[in-house]
Amino acid sequence: MARTPRMAQIEELLAEDPNDAFLRYGLAMEHASASDDTECANVLRDLIARTTAQPYVPAFLQCGQALMRLDRTEEACAVLKEGVEVARRAGDTHAQGEMQGLLSSIE
């Protein structure tokens, strides 16, 4: 899939600060907007792995949704289950509810 100018900008910024969770999430959303769900999921999985100490909760929901669009339901369920637990520990009841609802609809 072709890179957009916005992706290039974000990648330049990430070269300066590779652990910027917000930028990495933005890059994933750019891939989703470009209908590249495979790369979206890859970037989000990388983000999840990089932020284990302070999880970036929205990454779990978006990763689960991208995996569902790719018909990778089993992987989506695993990511969403992990996300529900991460959101619970973070006290993010809204995200927890969203992910639990999505998970319930696909299990």
N, C-alpha and C. Protein backbone atom coordinates (compact mmCIF):
# COMPACT_ATOMS: atom_id res chain seq x y z
N MET A 1 0.85 -1.17 0.00
CA MET A 1 0.00 0.00 0.00
C MET A 1 0.90 1.24 0.00
N ALA A 2 0.50 2.22 -0.73
CA ALA A 2 1.29 3.45 -0.85
C ALA A 2 1.28 4.25 0.45
N ARG A 3 2.42 4.83 0.74
CA ARG A 3 2.52 5.70 1.92
C ARG A 3 1.92 7.05 1.58
N THR A 4 1.20 7.59 2.53
CA THR A 4 0.63 8.93 2.37
C THR A 4 1.64 9.95 2.88
N PRO A 5 1.49 11.21 2.49
CA PRO A 5 2.38 12.25 3.03
C PRO A 5 2.32 12.32 4.56
N ARG A 6 1.15 12.09 5.12
CA ARG A 6 1.00 12.14 6.58
C ARG A 6 1.79 11.00 7.22
N MET A 7 1.76 9.82 6.61
CA MET A 7 2.54 8.70 7.13
C MET A 7 4.03 9.05 7.15
N ALA A 8 4.48 9.67 6.07
CA ALA A 8 5.89 10.05 5.97
C ALA A 8 6.25 11.04 7.08
N GLN A 9 5.36 12.00 7.34
CA GLN A 9 5.61 12.98 8.40
C GLN A 9 5.71 12.29 9.76
N ILE A 10 4.76 11.40 10.02
CA ILE A 10 4.75 10.71 11.31
C ILE A 10 6.00 9.84 11.45
N GLU A 11 6.38 9.16 10.38
CA GLU A 11 7.57 8.31 10.43
C GLU A 11 8.83 9.13 10.70
N GLU A 12 8.90 10.33 10.13
CA GLU A 12 10.05 11.22 10.42
C GLU A 12 10.10 11.58 11.89
N LEU A 13 8.94 11.90 12.46
CA LEU A 13 8.88 12.23 13.88
C LEU A 13 9.22 11.02 14.75
N LEU A 14 8.77 9.84 14.33
CA LEU A 14 9.09 8.63 15.08
C LEU A 14 10.58 8.30 15.02
N ALA A 15 11.24 8.71 13.96
CA ALA A 15 12.68 8.48 13.86
C ALA A 15 13.40 9.25 14.98
N GLU A 16 12.84 10.39 15.36
CA GLU A 16 13.41 11.19 16.44
C GLU A 16 13.03 10.65 17.81
N ASP A 17 11.82 10.10 17.93
CA ASP A 17 11.33 9.58 19.20
C ASP A 17 10.53 8.31 18.95
N PRO A 18 11.22 7.17 18.77
CA PRO A 18 10.54 5.92 18.41
C PRO A 18 9.55 5.40 19.44
N ASN A 19 9.62 5.89 20.66
CA ASN A 19 8.72 5.40 21.70
C ASN A 19 7.54 6.31 21.97
N ASP A 20 7.29 7.27 21.08
CA ASP A 20 6.14 8.18 21.24
C ASP A 20 4.87 7.41 20.90
N ALA A 21 4.12 7.04 21.92
CA ALA A 21 2.92 6.22 21.73
C ALA A 21 1.86 6.93 20.89
N PHE A 22 1.69 8.21 21.10
CA PHE A 22 0.67 8.96 20.36
C PHE A 22 1.00 8.97 18.86
N LEU A 23 2.26 9.19 18.52
CA LEU A 23 2.67 9.18 17.12
C LEU A 23 2.51 7.79 16.50
N ARG A 24 2.89 6.77 17.24
CA ARG A 24 2.77 5.40 16.72
C ARG A 24 1.30 5.05 16.50
N TYR A 25 0.44 5.47 17.41
CA TYR A 25 -1.01 5.25 17.26
C TYR A 25 -1.52 6.01 16.03
N GLY A 26 -1.05 7.24 15.86
CA GLY A 26 -1.44 8.03 14.69
C GLY A 26 -1.03 7.37 13.39
N LEU A 27 0.15 6.77 13.37
CA LEU A 27 0.62 6.07 12.18
C LEU A 27 -0.29 4.88 11.88
N ALA A 28 -0.67 4.16 12.91
CA ALA A 28 -1.59 3.03 12.72
C ALA A 28 -2.92 3.49 12.15
N MET A 29 -3.43 4.62 12.65
CA MET A 29 -4.70 5.13 12.16
C MET A 29 -4.60 5.61 10.71
N GLU A 30 -3.44 6.11 10.33
CA GLU A 30 -3.22 6.48 8.93
C GLU A 30 -3.29 5.24 8.04
N HIS A 31 -2.70 4.15 8.51
CA HIS A 31 -2.77 2.91 7.73
C HIS A 31 -4.22 2.42 7.64
N ALA A 32 -4.96 2.54 8.73
CA ALA A 32 -6.37 2.14 8.70
C ALA A 32 -7.15 2.99 7.70
N SER A 33 -6.88 4.29 7.70
CA SER A 33 -7.55 5.19 6.76
C SER A 33 -7.22 4.86 5.31
N ALA A 34 -6.03 4.31 5.09
CA ALA A 34 -5.60 3.93 3.75
C ALA A 34 -6.02 2.49 3.42
N SER A 35 -6.86 1.90 4.26
CA SER A 35 -7.35 0.53 4.09
C SER A 35 -6.25 -0.51 4.11
N ASP A 36 -5.20 -0.23 4.85
CA ASP A 36 -4.10 -1.19 5.01
C ASP A 36 -4.18 -1.75 6.44
N ASP A 37 -5.16 -2.64 6.64
CA ASP A 37 -5.39 -3.17 7.98
C ASP A 37 -4.27 -4.06 8.48
N THR A 38 -3.56 -4.71 7.56
CA THR A 38 -2.43 -5.54 7.97
C THR A 38 -1.36 -4.68 8.63
N GLU A 39 -0.98 -3.59 7.98
CA GLU A 39 0.04 -2.72 8.56
C GLU A 39 -0.48 -1.99 9.79
N CYS A 40 -1.75 -1.64 9.78
CA CYS A 40 -2.37 -1.02 10.96
C CYS A 40 -2.21 -1.95 12.16
N ALA A 41 -2.56 -3.22 12.00
CA ALA A 41 -2.45 -4.18 13.09
C ALA A 41 -0.99 -4.37 13.50
N ASN A 42 -0.08 -4.40 12.53
CA ASN A 42 1.34 -4.55 12.85
C ASN A 42 1.85 -3.39 13.69
N VAL A 43 1.49 -2.18 13.31
CA VAL A 43 1.94 -0.99 14.05
C VAL A 43 1.33 -1.00 15.45
N LEU A 44 0.06 -1.38 15.56
CA LEU A 44 -0.58 -1.41 16.88
C LEU A 44 0.01 -2.49 17.77
N ARG A 45 0.32 -3.64 17.21
CA ARG A 45 0.96 -4.69 18.01
C ARG A 45 2.33 -4.22 18.52
N ASP A 46 3.05 -3.51 17.66
CA ASP A 46 4.34 -2.95 18.07
C ASP A 46 4.13 -1.93 19.19
N LEU A 47 3.12 -1.10 19.06
CA LEU A 47 2.81 -0.11 20.10
C LEU A 47 2.47 -0.81 21.41
N ILE A 48 1.65 -1.84 21.34
CA ILE A 48 1.28 -2.59 22.56
C ILE A 48 2.53 -3.17 23.22
N ALA A 49 3.42 -3.73 22.42
CA ALA A 49 4.65 -4.32 22.96
C ALA A 49 5.56 -3.27 23.57
N ARG A 50 5.59 -2.07 23.00
CA ARG A 50 6.47 -1.00 23.49
C ARG A 50 5.95 -0.35 24.77
N THR A 51 4.67 -0.49 25.05
CA THR A 51 4.07 0.26 26.17
C THR A 51 3.56 -0.65 27.28
N THR A 52 4.23 -1.77 27.49
CA THR A 52 3.74 -2.69 28.52
C THR A 52 3.76 -2.08 29.91
N ALA A 53 4.73 -1.21 30.17
CA ALA A 53 4.80 -0.58 31.50
C ALA A 53 3.66 0.41 31.71
N GLN A 54 3.29 1.14 30.67
CA GLN A 54 2.17 2.08 30.72
C GLN A 54 1.37 1.88 29.43
N PRO A 55 0.47 0.90 29.45
CA PRO A 55 -0.24 0.53 28.22
C PRO A 55 -1.04 1.68 27.61
N TYR A 56 -1.01 1.72 26.28
CA TYR A 56 -1.79 2.69 25.51
C TYR A 56 -3.11 1.99 25.17
N VAL A 57 -4.09 2.15 26.03
CA VAL A 57 -5.33 1.38 26.00
C VAL A 57 -6.05 1.41 24.65
N PRO A 58 -6.18 2.56 23.96
CA PRO A 58 -6.90 2.55 22.68
C PRO A 58 -6.29 1.63 21.62
N ALA A 59 -5.02 1.32 21.76
CA ALA A 59 -4.36 0.45 20.78
C ALA A 59 -4.98 -0.94 20.75
N PHE A 60 -5.46 -1.42 21.87
CA PHE A 60 -6.04 -2.76 21.93
C PHE A 60 -7.35 -2.82 21.14
N LEU A 61 -8.21 -1.83 21.34
CA LEU A 61 -9.49 -1.81 20.61
C LEU A 61 -9.25 -1.69 19.11
N GLN A 62 -8.39 -0.76 18.72
CA GLN A 62 -8.15 -0.55 17.30
C GLN A 62 -7.48 -1.76 16.66
N CYS A 63 -6.58 -2.40 17.38
CA CYS A 63 -5.93 -3.60 16.86
C CYS A 63 -6.95 -4.72 16.69
N GLY A 64 -7.81 -4.88 17.67
CA GLY A 64 -8.86 -5.89 17.57
C GLY A 64 -9.77 -5.63 16.37
N GLN A 65 -10.12 -4.39 16.15
CA GLN A 65 -10.98 -4.05 15.02
C GLN A 65 -10.27 -4.31 13.69
N ALA A 66 -9.00 -3.95 13.59
CA ALA A 66 -8.24 -4.20 12.36
C ALA A 66 -8.14 -5.70 12.09
N LEU A 67 -7.89 -6.48 13.13
CA LEU A 67 -7.80 -7.93 12.96
C LEU A 67 -9.14 -8.52 12.54
N MET A 68 -10.22 -7.98 13.05
CA MET A 68 -11.55 -8.45 12.63
C MET A 68 -11.78 -8.14 11.15
N ARG A 69 -11.38 -6.97 10.71
CA ARG A 69 -11.54 -6.63 9.29
C ARG A 69 -10.73 -7.56 8.40
N LEU A 70 -9.67 -8.12 8.97
CA LEU A 70 -8.83 -9.07 8.23
C LEU A 70 -9.31 -10.52 8.39
N ASP A 71 -10.45 -10.70 9.05
CA ASP A 71 -11.02 -12.03 9.33
C ASP A 71 -10.07 -12.88 10.16
N ARG A 72 -9.34 -12.25 11.06
CA ARG A 72 -8.44 -12.95 11.98
C ARG A 72 -9.08 -12.89 13.37
N THR A 73 -10.24 -13.53 13.45
CA THR A 73 -11.10 -13.43 14.64
C THR A 73 -10.43 -13.94 15.90
N GLU A 74 -9.73 -15.05 15.80
CA GLU A 74 -9.08 -15.62 16.99
C GLU A 74 -8.04 -14.65 17.56
N GLU A 75 -7.26 -14.05 16.67
CA GLU A 75 -6.26 -13.06 17.11
C GLU A 75 -6.95 -11.82 17.69
N ALA A 76 -8.04 -11.41 17.06
CA ALA A 76 -8.79 -10.24 17.55
C ALA A 76 -9.30 -10.50 18.96
N CYS A 77 -9.84 -11.70 19.18
CA CYS A 77 -10.34 -12.05 20.52
C CYS A 77 -9.22 -11.98 21.57
N ALA A 78 -8.06 -12.50 21.21
CA ALA A 78 -6.93 -12.50 22.16
C ALA A 78 -6.51 -11.08 22.51
N VAL A 79 -6.43 -10.21 21.50
CA VAL A 79 -6.04 -8.82 21.75
C VAL A 79 -7.10 -8.11 22.58
N LEU A 80 -8.36 -8.33 22.25
CA LEU A 80 -9.43 -7.68 22.99
C LEU A 80 -9.50 -8.16 24.44
N LYS A 81 -9.29 -9.45 24.67
CA LYS A 81 -9.28 -9.97 26.05
C LYS A 81 -8.17 -9.30 26.86
N GLU A 82 -7.00 -9.21 26.24
CA GLU A 82 -5.89 -8.53 26.91
C GLU A 82 -6.24 -7.07 27.17
N GLY A 83 -6.86 -6.43 26.19
CA GLY A 83 -7.25 -5.03 26.32
C GLY A 83 -8.26 -4.79 27.41
N VAL A 84 -9.21 -5.70 27.55
CA VAL A 84 -10.21 -5.58 28.62
C VAL A 84 -9.51 -5.58 29.97
N GLU A 85 -8.56 -6.48 30.14
CA GLU A 85 -7.83 -6.56 31.41
C GLU A 85 -6.97 -5.32 31.64
N VAL A 86 -6.30 -4.86 30.59
CA VAL A 86 -5.46 -3.65 30.70
C VAL A 86 -6.33 -2.44 31.06
N ALA A 87 -7.47 -2.31 30.41
CA ALA A 87 -8.37 -1.18 30.69
C ALA A 87 -8.91 -1.27 32.12
N ARG A 88 -9.24 -2.48 32.55
CA ARG A 88 -9.73 -2.66 33.92
C ARG A 88 -8.69 -2.19 34.92
N ARG A 89 -7.44 -2.64 34.72
CA ARG A 89 -6.35 -2.24 35.64
C ARG A 89 -6.11 -0.74 35.60
N ALA A 90 -6.31 -0.13 34.43
CA ALA A 90 -6.10 1.31 34.30
C ALA A 90 -7.29 2.12 34.79
N GLY A 91 -8.39 1.45 35.11
CA GLY A 91 -9.59 2.16 35.56
C GLY A 91 -10.34 2.83 34.43
N ASP A 92 -10.10 2.40 33.20
CA ASP A 92 -10.76 2.98 32.03
C ASP A 92 -12.00 2.15 31.71
N THR A 93 -13.08 2.44 32.44
CA THR A 93 -14.29 1.63 32.30
C THR A 93 -14.95 1.80 30.93
N HIS A 94 -14.80 2.97 30.32
CA HIS A 94 -15.38 3.18 28.99
C HIS A 94 -14.72 2.25 27.97
N ALA A 95 -13.39 2.27 27.92
CA ALA A 95 -12.67 1.41 26.98
C ALA A 95 -12.91 -0.06 27.30
N GLN A 96 -12.94 -0.38 28.58
CA GLN A 96 -13.19 -1.75 28.99
C GLN A 96 -14.54 -2.22 28.45
N GLY A 97 -15.56 -1.38 28.60
CA GLY A 97 -16.91 -1.72 28.13
C GLY A 97 -16.97 -1.86 26.61
N GLU A 98 -16.30 -0.96 25.91
CA GLU A 98 -16.28 -1.05 24.44
C GLU A 98 -15.65 -2.34 23.97
N MET A 99 -14.50 -2.67 24.56
CA MET A 99 -13.81 -3.88 24.14
C MET A 99 -14.59 -5.13 24.54
N GLN A 100 -15.20 -5.11 25.73
CA GLN A 100 -15.99 -6.27 26.16
C GLN A 100 -17.19 -6.45 25.25
N GLY A 101 -17.83 -5.36 24.86
CA GLY A 101 -18.97 -5.44 23.95
C GLY A 101 -18.57 -6.03 22.61
N LEU A 102 -17.46 -5.55 22.07
CA LEU A 102 -16.98 -6.07 20.79
C LEU A 102 -16.61 -7.54 20.92
N LEU A 103 -15.92 -7.86 21.98
CA LEU A 103 -15.51 -9.25 22.22
C LEU A 103 -16.74 -10.16 22.31
N SER A 104 -17.75 -9.72 23.03
CA SER A 104 -18.98 -10.53 23.18
C SER A 104 -19.67 -10.75 21.84
N SER A 105 -19.57 -9.77 20.95
CA SER A 105 -20.24 -9.89 19.65
C SER A 105 -19.54 -10.85 18.70
N ILE A 106 -18.26 -11.19 18.98
CA ILE A 106 -17.53 -12.06 18.05
C ILE A 106 -17.18 -13.42 18.63
N GLU A 107 -17.38 -13.60 19.92
CA GLU A 107 -17.07 -14.91 20.54
C GLU A 107 -18.19 -15.89 20.30
